[in-house]
Amino acid sequence: MKLKDVARDQGQFLSAPSPVYGEQNVTLRYRAIDLVWRPAGRLVRFCHCLSSAARHHLSAGHRSDSGAMEIILLYGYRFKIELGFRQAVHGVGSYAYHSGWPP
């Protein structure tokens, strides 16, 4: 089975309001499916998400007990974390240390 084939079967998708922080009036269509992924050699839960904001993403997790909405919520946190690191590096100057400091 190919993941792109999973995305084509629109009848298997469910609808729900977005659980992602800051998104209001956004409806998601999502589908979670457990598949054995050869590179990982184990069962992986794939969550394909389509947003009414014309975005889509595919997330994967190794915990088969995670619900699709939980996976989508955690994926949303990813952007906040990346933005925090970017601000720390460029705005605050974090990680600008040198070995041997202080002199």
PDB file of N, CA and C in Angstrom:
ATOM      1  N   MET A   1       0.844  -1.176   0.000  1.00  0.00           N
ATOM      2  CA  MET A   1       0.000   0.000   0.000  1.00  0.00           C
ATOM      3  C   MET A   1       0.889   1.238   0.000  1.00  0.00           C
ATOM      4  N   LYS A   2       0.520   2.208  -0.784  1.00  0.00           N
ATOM      5  CA  LYS A   2       1.259   3.466  -0.832  1.00  0.00           C
ATOM      6  C   LYS A   2       0.456   4.544  -0.107  1.00  0.00           C
ATOM      7  N   LEU A   3       1.159   5.433   0.568  1.00  0.00           N
ATOM      8  CA  LEU A   3       0.479   6.472   1.341  1.00  0.00           C
ATOM      9  C   LEU A   3      -0.349   7.400   0.466  1.00  0.00           C
ATOM     10  N   LYS A   4       0.083   7.636  -0.747  1.00  0.00           N
ATOM     11  CA  LYS A   4      -0.701   8.512  -1.627  1.00  0.00           C
ATOM     12  C   LYS A   4      -2.041   7.872  -1.973  1.00  0.00           C
ATOM     13  N   ASP A   5      -2.099   6.538  -1.976  1.00  0.00           N
ATOM     14  CA  ASP A   5      -3.366   5.858  -2.211  1.00  0.00           C
ATOM     15  C   ASP A   5      -4.315   6.039  -1.028  1.00  0.00           C
ATOM     16  N   VAL A   6      -3.767   6.095   0.178  1.00  0.00           N
ATOM     17  CA  VAL A   6      -4.572   6.337   1.373  1.00  0.00           C
ATOM     18  C   VAL A   6      -5.226   7.712   1.287  1.00  0.00           C
ATOM     19  N   ALA A   7      -4.504   8.704   0.799  1.00  0.00           N
ATOM     20  CA  ALA A   7      -5.017  10.073   0.713  1.00  0.00           C
ATOM     21  C   ALA A   7      -6.112  10.208  -0.341  1.00  0.00           C
ATOM     22  N   ARG A   8      -6.120   9.343  -1.314  1.00  0.00           N
ATOM     23  CA  ARG A   8      -7.123   9.433  -2.383  1.00  0.00           C
ATOM     24  C   ARG A   8      -8.497   8.959  -1.937  1.00  0.00           C
ATOM     25  N   ASP A   9      -8.558   8.124  -0.923  1.00  0.00           N
ATOM     26  CA  ASP A   9      -9.830   7.573  -0.454  1.00  0.00           C
ATOM     27  C   ASP A   9     -10.506   8.568   0.487  1.00  0.00           C
ATOM     28  N   GLN A  10     -11.129   9.589  -0.068  1.00  0.00           N
ATOM     29  CA  GLN A  10     -11.714  10.681   0.714  1.00  0.00           C
ATOM     30  C   GLN A  10     -12.877  10.230   1.596  1.00  0.00           C
ATOM     31  N   GLY A  11     -13.495   9.102   1.274  1.00  0.00           N
ATOM     32  CA  GLY A  11     -14.612   8.611   2.070  1.00  0.00           C
ATOM     33  C   GLY A  11     -14.213   8.159   3.459  1.00  0.00           C
ATOM     34  N   GLN A  12     -12.936   7.893   3.695  1.00  0.00           N
ATOM     35  CA  GLN A  12     -12.439   7.434   4.989  1.00  0.00           C
ATOM     36  C   GLN A  12     -12.020   8.574   5.910  1.00  0.00           C
ATOM     37  N   PHE A  13     -12.054   9.808   5.423  1.00  0.00           N
ATOM     38  CA  PHE A  13     -11.634  10.960   6.223  1.00  0.00           C
ATOM     39  C   PHE A  13     -12.761  11.406   7.142  1.00  0.00           C
ATOM     40  N   LEU A  14     -12.404  11.863   8.334  1.00  0.00           N
ATOM     41  CA  LEU A  14     -13.337  12.422   9.303  1.00  0.00           C
ATOM     42  C   LEU A  14     -13.133  13.925   9.362  1.00  0.00           C
ATOM     43  N   SER A  15     -14.133  14.655   9.840  1.00  0.00           N
ATOM     44  CA  SER A  15     -14.037  16.111   9.977  1.00  0.00           C
ATOM     45  C   SER A  15     -14.096  16.498  11.443  1.00  0.00           C
ATOM     46  N   ALA A  16     -13.352  17.559  11.779  1.00  0.00           N
ATOM     47  CA  ALA A  16     -13.348  18.076  13.149  1.00  0.00           C
ATOM     48  C   ALA A  16     -12.766  19.480  13.143  1.00  0.00           C
ATOM     49  N   PRO A  17     -13.127  20.296  14.149  1.00  0.00           N
ATOM     50  CA  PRO A  17     -12.472  21.599  14.274  1.00  0.00           C
ATOM     51  C   PRO A  17     -11.007  21.406  14.646  1.00  0.00           C
ATOM     52  N   SER A  18     -10.171  22.310  14.200  1.00  0.00           N
ATOM     53  CA  SER A  18      -8.739  22.195  14.436  1.00  0.00           C
ATOM     54  C   SER A  18      -8.406  22.352  15.920  1.00  0.00           C
ATOM     55  N   PRO A  19      -7.583  21.440  16.476  1.00  0.00           N
ATOM     56  CA  PRO A  19      -7.155  21.570  17.874  1.00  0.00           C
ATOM     57  C   PRO A  19      -5.902  22.424  18.026  1.00  0.00           C
ATOM     58  N   VAL A  20      -5.344  22.909  16.921  1.00  0.00           N
ATOM     59  CA  VAL A  20      -4.082  23.638  16.947  1.00  0.00           C
ATOM     60  C   VAL A  20      -4.290  25.020  17.547  1.00  0.00           C
ATOM     61  N   TYR A  21      -3.390  25.389  18.455  1.00  0.00           N
ATOM     62  CA  TYR A  21      -3.454  26.674  19.149  1.00  0.00           C
ATOM     63  C   TYR A  21      -3.476  27.822  18.148  1.00  0.00           C
ATOM     64  N   GLY A  22      -4.409  28.740  18.313  1.00  0.00           N
ATOM     65  CA  GLY A  22      -4.481  29.930  17.479  1.00  0.00           C
ATOM     66  C   GLY A  22      -5.309  29.771  16.219  1.00  0.00           C
ATOM     67  N   GLU A  23      -5.714  28.570  15.886  1.00  0.00           N
ATOM     68  CA  GLU A  23      -6.541  28.376  14.696  1.00  0.00           C
ATOM     69  C   GLU A  23      -8.006  28.383  15.098  1.00  0.00           C
ATOM     70  N   GLN A  24      -8.721  29.348  14.550  1.00  0.00           N
ATOM     71  CA  GLN A  24     -10.148  29.449  14.825  1.00  0.00           C
ATOM     72  C   GLN A  24     -10.901  29.359  13.509  1.00  0.00           C
ATOM     73  N   ASN A  25     -12.049  28.735  13.550  1.00  0.00           N
ATOM     74  CA  ASN A  25     -12.884  28.550  12.366  1.00  0.00           C
ATOM     75  C   ASN A  25     -12.155  27.787  11.269  1.00  0.00           C
ATOM     76  N   VAL A  26     -11.311  26.853  11.653  1.00  0.00           N
ATOM     77  CA  VAL A  26     -10.598  26.002  10.698  1.00  0.00           C
ATOM     78  C   VAL A  26     -11.089  24.574  10.897  1.00  0.00           C
ATOM     79  N   THR A  27     -11.571  23.991   9.833  1.00  0.00           N
ATOM     80  CA  THR A  27     -12.046  22.619   9.879  1.00  0.00           C
ATOM     81  C   THR A  27     -11.012  21.705   9.248  1.00  0.00           C
ATOM     82  N   LEU A  28     -10.736  20.611   9.923  1.00  0.00           N
ATOM     83  CA  LEU A  28      -9.783  19.636   9.422  1.00  0.00           C
ATOM     84  C   LEU A  28     -10.515  18.401   8.919  1.00  0.00           C
ATOM     85  N   ARG A  29      -9.958  17.804   7.900  1.00  0.00           N
ATOM     86  CA  ARG A  29     -10.366  16.467   7.477  1.00  0.00           C
ATOM     87  C   ARG A  29      -9.130  15.609   7.685  1.00  0.00           C
ATOM     88  N   TYR A  30      -9.297  14.526   8.399  1.00  0.00           N
ATOM     89  CA  TYR A  30      -8.135  13.725   8.765  1.00  0.00           C
ATOM     90  C   TYR A  30      -8.446  12.237   8.683  1.00  0.00           C
ATOM     91  N   ARG A  31      -7.379  11.475   8.581  1.00  0.00           N
ATOM     92  CA  ARG A  31      -7.485  10.019   8.607  1.00  0.00           C
ATOM     93  C   ARG A  31      -6.230   9.465   9.256  1.00  0.00           C
ATOM     94  N   ALA A  32      -6.409   8.582  10.209  1.00  0.00           N
ATOM     95  CA  ALA A  32      -5.284   7.907  10.840  1.00  0.00           C
ATOM     96  C   ALA A  32      -5.331   6.439  10.440  1.00  0.00           C
ATOM     97  N   ILE A  33      -4.182   5.910  10.106  1.00  0.00           N
ATOM     98  CA  ILE A  33      -4.102   4.513   9.695  1.00  0.00           C
ATOM     99  C   ILE A  33      -2.795   3.926  10.210  1.00  0.00           C
ATOM    100  N   ASP A  34      -2.883   2.716  10.734  1.00  0.00           N
ATOM    101  CA  ASP A  34      -1.704   2.019  11.243  1.00  0.00           C
ATOM    102  C   ASP A  34      -1.168   1.090  10.154  1.00  0.00           C
ATOM    103  N   LEU A  35       0.095   1.268   9.822  1.00  0.00           N
ATOM    104  CA  LEU A  35       0.742   0.462   8.793  1.00  0.00           C
ATOM    105  C   LEU A  35       2.118   0.021   9.276  1.00  0.00           C
ATOM    106  N   VAL A  36       2.571  -1.112   8.815  1.00  0.00           N
ATOM    107  CA  VAL A  36       3.944  -1.528   9.086  1.00  0.00           C
ATOM    108  C   VAL A  36       4.818  -0.794   8.075  1.00  0.00           C
ATOM    109  N   TRP A  37       5.739   0.007   8.593  1.00  0.00           N
ATOM    110  CA  TRP A  37       6.617   0.794   7.730  1.00  0.00           C
ATOM    111  C   TRP A  37       7.966   0.091   7.685  1.00  0.00           C
ATOM    112  N   ARG A  38       8.371  -0.316   6.514  1.00  0.00           N
ATOM    113  CA  ARG A  38       9.597  -1.101   6.367  1.00  0.00           C
ATOM    114  C   ARG A  38      10.844  -0.421   6.922  1.00  0.00           C
ATOM    115  N   PRO A  39      11.085   0.894   6.642  1.00  0.00           N
ATOM    116  CA  PRO A  39      12.308   1.516   7.191  1.00  0.00           C
ATOM    117  C   PRO A  39      12.364   1.463   8.722  1.00  0.00           C
ATOM    118  N   ALA A  40      11.221   1.570   9.373  1.00  0.00           N
ATOM    119  CA  ALA A  40      11.195   1.519  10.836  1.00  0.00           C
ATOM    120  C   ALA A  40      11.123   0.078  11.340  1.00  0.00           C
ATOM    121  N   GLY A  41      10.618  -0.818  10.506  1.00  0.00           N
ATOM    122  CA  GLY A  41      10.495  -2.207  10.901  1.00  0.00           C
ATOM    123  C   GLY A  41       9.456  -2.438  11.986  1.00  0.00           C
ATOM    124  N   ARG A  42       8.468  -1.590  12.044  1.00  0.00           N
ATOM    125  CA  ARG A  42       7.445  -1.699  13.080  1.00  0.00           C
ATOM    126  C   ARG A  42       6.161  -1.023  12.642  1.00  0.00           C
ATOM    127  N   LEU A  43       5.151  -1.151  13.463  1.00  0.00           N
ATOM    128  CA  LEU A  43       3.866  -0.533  13.205  1.00  0.00           C
ATOM    129  C   LEU A  43       3.963   0.966  13.477  1.00  0.00           C
ATOM    130  N   VAL A  44       3.503   1.753  12.528  1.00  0.00           N
ATOM    131  CA  VAL A  44       3.562   3.214  12.636  1.00  0.00           C
ATOM    132  C   VAL A  44       2.166   3.761  12.346  1.00  0.00           C
ATOM    133  N   ARG A  45       1.732   4.728  13.145  1.00  0.00           N
ATOM    134  CA  ARG A  45       0.452   5.381  12.888  1.00  0.00           C
ATOM    135  C   ARG A  45       0.700   6.617  12.032  1.00  0.00           C
ATOM    136  N   PHE A  46       0.120   6.614  10.849  1.00  0.00           N
ATOM    137  CA  PHE A  46       0.203   7.747   9.942  1.00  0.00           C
ATOM    138  C   PHE A  46      -1.090   8.538  10.053  1.00  0.00           C
ATOM    139  N   CYS A  47      -0.974   9.849  10.107  1.00  0.00           N
ATOM    140  CA  CYS A  47      -2.136  10.722  10.196  1.00  0.00           C
ATOM    141  C   CYS A  47      -2.046  11.733   9.053  1.00  0.00           C
ATOM    142  N   HIS A  48      -2.965  11.627   8.109  1.00  0.00           N
ATOM    143  CA  HIS A  48      -3.008  12.544   6.977  1.00  0.00           C
ATOM    144  C   HIS A  48      -4.066  13.577   7.283  1.00  0.00           C
ATOM    145  N   CYS A  49      -3.707  14.841   7.205  1.00  0.00           N
ATOM    146  CA  CYS A  49      -4.593  15.926   7.600  1.00  0.00           C
ATOM    147  C   CYS A  49      -4.735  16.928   6.458  1.00  0.00           C
ATOM    148  N   LEU A  50      -5.980  17.259   6.158  1.00  0.00           N
ATOM    149  CA  LEU A  50      -6.292  18.289   5.170  1.00  0.00           C
ATOM    150  C   LEU A  50      -7.004  19.417   5.895  1.00  0.00           C
ATOM    151  N   SER A  51      -6.573  20.649   5.668  1.00  0.00           N
ATOM    152  CA  SER A  51      -7.127  21.797   6.369  1.00  0.00           C
ATOM    153  C   SER A  51      -7.972  22.627   5.435  1.00  0.00           C
ATOM    154  N   SER A  52      -8.997  23.286   6.000  1.00  0.00           N
ATOM    155  CA  SER A  52      -9.803  24.203   5.192  1.00  0.00           C
ATOM    156  C   SER A  52      -8.998  25.442   4.813  1.00  0.00           C
ATOM    157  N   ALA A  53      -7.839  25.615   5.431  1.00  0.00           N
ATOM    158  CA  ALA A  53      -6.940  26.720   5.090  1.00  0.00           C
ATOM    159  C   ALA A  53      -6.001  26.313   3.956  1.00  0.00           C
ATOM    160  N   ALA A  54      -6.370  25.269   3.206  1.00  0.00           N
ATOM    161  CA  ALA A  54      -5.639  24.794   2.021  1.00  0.00           C
ATOM    162  C   ALA A  54      -4.257  24.264   2.337  1.00  0.00           C
ATOM    163  N   ARG A  55      -4.095  23.676   3.513  1.00  0.00           N
ATOM    164  CA  ARG A  55      -2.827  23.045   3.867  1.00  0.00           C
ATOM    165  C   ARG A  55      -3.075  21.562   4.082  1.00  0.00           C
ATOM    166  N   HIS A  56      -2.041  20.799   3.914  1.00  0.00           N
ATOM    167  CA  HIS A  56      -2.138  19.390   4.254  1.00  0.00           C
ATOM    168  C   HIS A  56      -0.794  18.923   4.769  1.00  0.00           C
ATOM    169  N   HIS A  57      -0.828  17.924   5.607  1.00  0.00           N
ATOM    170  CA  HIS A  57       0.418  17.351   6.108  1.00  0.00           C
ATOM    171  C   HIS A  57       0.200  15.887   6.463  1.00  0.00           C
ATOM    172  N   LEU A  58       1.284  15.197   6.491  1.00  0.00           N
ATOM    173  CA  LEU A  58       1.286  13.791   6.870  1.00  0.00           C
ATOM    174  C   LEU A  58       2.228  13.641   8.049  1.00  0.00           C
ATOM    175  N   SER A  59       1.713  13.147   9.146  1.00  0.00           N
ATOM    176  CA  SER A  59       2.518  12.946  10.346  1.00  0.00           C
ATOM    177  C   SER A  59       2.610  11.457  10.626  1.00  0.00           C
ATOM    178  N   ALA A  60       3.661  11.069  11.290  1.00  0.00           N
ATOM    179  CA  ALA A  60       3.836   9.667  11.656  1.00  0.00           C
ATOM    180  C   ALA A  60       4.282   9.587  13.103  1.00  0.00           C
ATOM    181  N   GLY A  61       3.793   8.579  13.793  1.00  0.00           N
ATOM    182  CA  GLY A  61       4.182   8.375  15.171  1.00  0.00           C
ATOM    183  C   GLY A  61       4.279   6.902  15.476  1.00  0.00           C
ATOM    184  N   HIS A  62       5.102   6.548  16.446  1.00  0.00           N
ATOM    185  CA  HIS A  62       5.286   5.140  16.764  1.00  0.00           C
ATOM    186  C   HIS A  62       4.298   4.632  17.804  1.00  0.00           C
ATOM    187  N   ARG A  63       3.546   5.522  18.417  1.00  0.00           N
ATOM    188  CA  ARG A  63       2.570   5.095  19.421  1.00  0.00           C
ATOM    189  C   ARG A  63       1.222   4.872  18.756  1.00  0.00           C
ATOM    190  N   SER A  64       0.804   3.638  18.702  1.00  0.00           N
ATOM    191  CA  SER A  64      -0.466   3.322  18.051  1.00  0.00           C
ATOM    192  C   SER A  64      -1.663   3.655  18.933  1.00  0.00           C
ATOM    193  N   ASP A  65      -1.430   4.022  20.200  1.00  0.00           N
ATOM    194  CA  ASP A  65      -2.532   4.391  21.073  1.00  0.00           C
ATOM    195  C   ASP A  65      -2.831   5.894  21.014  1.00  0.00           C
ATOM    196  N   SER A  66      -2.050   6.652  20.259  1.00  0.00           N
ATOM    197  CA  SER A  66      -2.287   8.083  20.103  1.00  0.00           C
ATOM    198  C   SER A  66      -3.447   8.308  19.141  1.00  0.00           C
ATOM    199  N   GLY A  67      -4.340   9.182  19.515  1.00  0.00           N
ATOM    200  CA  GLY A  67      -5.444   9.528  18.636  1.00  0.00           C
ATOM    201  C   GLY A  67      -4.991  10.503  17.563  1.00  0.00           C
ATOM    202  N   ALA A  68      -5.748  10.570  16.491  1.00  0.00           N
ATOM    203  CA  ALA A  68      -5.393  11.451  15.374  1.00  0.00           C
ATOM    204  C   ALA A  68      -5.351  12.920  15.803  1.00  0.00           C
ATOM    205  N   MET A  69      -6.300  13.330  16.635  1.00  0.00           N
ATOM    206  CA  MET A  69      -6.331  14.730  17.056  1.00  0.00           C
ATOM    207  C   MET A  69      -5.137  15.064  17.941  1.00  0.00           C
ATOM    208  N   GLU A  70      -4.679  14.114  18.732  1.00  0.00           N
ATOM    209  CA  GLU A  70      -3.486  14.325  19.554  1.00  0.00           C
ATOM    210  C   GLU A  70      -2.253  14.501  18.668  1.00  0.00           C
ATOM    211  N   ILE A  71      -2.142  13.693  17.637  1.00  0.00           N
ATOM    212  CA  ILE A  71      -1.017  13.803  16.700  1.00  0.00           C
ATOM    213  C   ILE A  71      -1.044  15.156  16.001  1.00  0.00           C
ATOM    214  N   ILE A  72      -2.220  15.601  15.590  1.00  0.00           N
ATOM    215  CA  ILE A  72      -2.353  16.897  14.916  1.00  0.00           C
ATOM    216  C   ILE A  72      -1.990  18.031  15.866  1.00  0.00           C
ATOM    217  N   LEU A  73      -2.434  17.950  17.115  1.00  0.00           N
ATOM    218  CA  LEU A  73      -2.114  18.972  18.113  1.00  0.00           C
ATOM    219  C   LEU A  73      -0.605  19.054  18.340  1.00  0.00           C
ATOM    220  N   LEU A  74       0.049  17.911  18.499  1.00  0.00           N
ATOM    221  CA  LEU A  74       1.501  17.897  18.712  1.00  0.00           C
ATOM    222  C   LEU A  74       2.239  18.432  17.496  1.00  0.00           C
ATOM    223  N   TYR A  75       1.747  18.138  16.305  1.00  0.00           N
ATOM    224  CA  TYR A  75       2.353  18.670  15.084  1.00  0.00           C
ATOM    225  C   TYR A  75       2.254  20.193  15.068  1.00  0.00           C
ATOM    226  N   GLY A  76       1.138  20.743  15.568  1.00  0.00           N
ATOM    227  CA  GLY A  76       0.973  22.187  15.645  1.00  0.00           C
ATOM    228  C   GLY A  76       1.967  22.842  16.588  1.00  0.00           C
ATOM    229  N   TYR A  77       2.318  22.155  17.678  1.00  0.00           N
ATOM    230  CA  TYR A  77       3.309  22.689  18.610  1.00  0.00           C
ATOM    231  C   TYR A  77       4.688  22.795  17.979  1.00  0.00           C
ATOM    232  N   ARG A  78       4.944  21.976  17.001  1.00  0.00           N
ATOM    233  CA  ARG A  78       6.250  21.964  16.337  1.00  0.00           C
ATOM    234  C   ARG A  78       6.627  23.359  15.823  1.00  0.00           C
ATOM    235  N   PHE A  79       5.676  24.059  15.253  1.00  0.00           N
ATOM    236  CA  PHE A  79       5.961  25.378  14.686  1.00  0.00           C
ATOM    237  C   PHE A  79       6.258  26.405  15.767  1.00  0.00           C
ATOM    238  N   LYS A  80       5.573  26.318  16.902  1.00  0.00           N
ATOM    239  CA  LYS A  80       5.857  27.230  18.006  1.00  0.00           C
ATOM    240  C   LYS A  80       7.261  26.988  18.553  1.00  0.00           C
ATOM    241  N   ILE A  81       7.648  25.717  18.658  1.00  0.00           N
ATOM    242  CA  ILE A  81       8.981  25.387  19.163  1.00  0.00           C
ATOM    243  C   ILE A  81      10.051  25.884  18.206  1.00  0.00           C
ATOM    244  N   GLU A  82       9.863  25.653  16.907  1.00  0.00           N
ATOM    245  CA  GLU A  82      10.849  26.112  15.922  1.00  0.00           C
ATOM    246  C   GLU A  82      10.963  27.630  15.922  1.00  0.00           C
ATOM    247  N   LEU A  83       9.846  28.328  16.056  1.00  0.00           N
ATOM    248  CA  LEU A  83       9.883  29.789  16.114  1.00  0.00           C
ATOM    249  C   LEU A  83      10.633  30.253  17.354  1.00  0.00           C
ATOM    250  N   GLY A  84      10.423  29.581  18.487  1.00  0.00           N
ATOM    251  CA  GLY A  84      11.141  29.937  19.711  1.00  0.00           C
ATOM    252  C   GLY A  84      12.643  29.775  19.562  1.00  0.00           C
ATOM    253  N   PHE A  85      13.082  28.681  18.934  1.00  0.00           N
ATOM    254  CA  PHE A  85      14.511  28.487  18.698  1.00  0.00           C
ATOM    255  C   PHE A  85      15.050  29.547  17.741  1.00  0.00           C
ATOM    256  N   ARG A  86      14.308  29.862  16.703  1.00  0.00           N
ATOM    257  CA  ARG A  86      14.763  30.862  15.730  1.00  0.00           C
ATOM    258  C   ARG A  86      14.921  32.228  16.407  1.00  0.00           C
ATOM    259  N   GLN A  87      13.957  32.587  17.259  1.00  0.00           N
ATOM    260  CA  GLN A  87      14.065  33.861  17.967  1.00  0.00           C
ATOM    261  C   GLN A  87      15.237  33.853  18.937  1.00  0.00           C
ATOM    262  N   ALA A  88      15.472  32.720  19.581  1.00  0.00           N
ATOM    263  CA  ALA A  88      16.589  32.633  20.521  1.00  0.00           C
ATOM    264  C   ALA A  88      17.923  32.792  19.811  1.00  0.00           C
ATOM    265  N   VAL A  89      18.032  32.202  18.642  1.00  0.00           N
ATOM    266  CA  VAL A  89      19.295  32.260  17.906  1.00  0.00           C
ATOM    267  C   VAL A  89      19.520  33.638  17.299  1.00  0.00           C
ATOM    268  N   HIS A  90      18.512  34.181  16.638  1.00  0.00           N
ATOM    269  CA  HIS A  90      18.701  35.425  15.888  1.00  0.00           C
ATOM    270  C   HIS A  90      18.402  36.683  16.702  1.00  0.00           C
ATOM    271  N   GLY A  91      17.410  36.622  17.559  1.00  0.00           N
ATOM    272  CA  GLY A  91      17.024  37.820  18.290  1.00  0.00           C
ATOM    273  C   GLY A  91      17.778  38.032  19.577  1.00  0.00           C
ATOM    274  N   VAL A  92      17.910  36.999  20.358  1.00  0.00           N
ATOM    275  CA  VAL A  92      18.521  37.110  21.674  1.00  0.00           C
ATOM    276  C   VAL A  92      20.016  36.842  21.623  1.00  0.00           C
ATOM    277  N   GLY A  93      20.449  36.079  20.648  1.00  0.00           N
ATOM    278  CA  GLY A  93      21.866  35.754  20.527  1.00  0.00           C
ATOM    279  C   GLY A  93      22.264  34.507  21.274  1.00  0.00           C
ATOM    280  N   SER A  94      21.287  33.708  21.633  1.00  0.00           N
ATOM    281  CA  SER A  94      21.603  32.433  22.286  1.00  0.00           C
ATOM    282  C   SER A  94      22.466  31.593  21.362  1.00  0.00           C
ATOM    283  N   TYR A  95      23.166  30.694  21.916  1.00  0.00           N
ATOM    284  CA  TYR A  95      24.061  29.801  21.185  1.00  0.00           C
ATOM    285  C   TYR A  95      25.229  30.547  20.548  1.00  0.00           C
ATOM    286  N   ALA A  96      25.489  31.786  21.010  1.00  0.00           N
ATOM    287  CA  ALA A  96      26.604  32.557  20.463  1.00  0.00           C
ATOM    288  C   ALA A  96      27.825  32.424  21.367  1.00  0.00           C
ATOM    289  N   TYR A  97      27.857  31.410  22.172  1.00  0.00           N
ATOM    290  CA  TYR A  97      28.962  31.211  23.092  1.00  0.00           C
ATOM    291  C   TYR A  97      30.151  30.593  22.356  1.00  0.00           C
ATOM    292  N   HIS A  98      31.296  30.716  22.946  1.00  0.00           N
ATOM    293  CA  HIS A  98      32.514  30.123  22.391  1.00  0.00           C
ATOM    294  C   HIS A  98      33.126  29.224  23.444  1.00  0.00           C
ATOM    295  N   SER A  99      33.806  28.196  23.001  1.00  0.00           N
ATOM    296  CA  SER A  99      34.453  27.332  23.983  1.00  0.00           C
ATOM    297  C   SER A  99      35.605  28.125  24.612  1.00  0.00           C
ATOM    298  N   GLY A 100      35.832  27.918  25.886  1.00  0.00           N
ATOM    299  CA  GLY A 100      36.868  28.645  26.595  1.00  0.00           C
ATOM    300  C   GLY A 100      36.348  29.899  27.255  1.00  0.00           C
ATOM    301  N   TRP A 101      35.049  30.206  27.112  1.00  0.00           N
ATOM    302  CA  TRP A 101      34.476  31.391  27.747  1.00  0.00           C
ATOM    303  C   TRP A 101      34.128  31.058  29.168  1.00  0.00           C
ATOM    304  N   PRO A 102      34.272  31.841  30.149  1.00  0.00           N
ATOM    305  CA  PRO A 102      34.829  33.190  30.115  1.00  0.00           C
ATOM    306  C   PRO A 102      36.345  33.163  30.025  1.00  0.00           C
ATOM    307  N   PRO A 103      36.891  34.277  29.560  1.00  0.00           N
ATOM    308  CA  PRO A 103      38.349  34.322  29.366  1.00  0.00           C
ATOM    309  C   PRO A 103      39.124  34.216  30.657  1.00  0.00           C
TER     310      PRO A 103
END
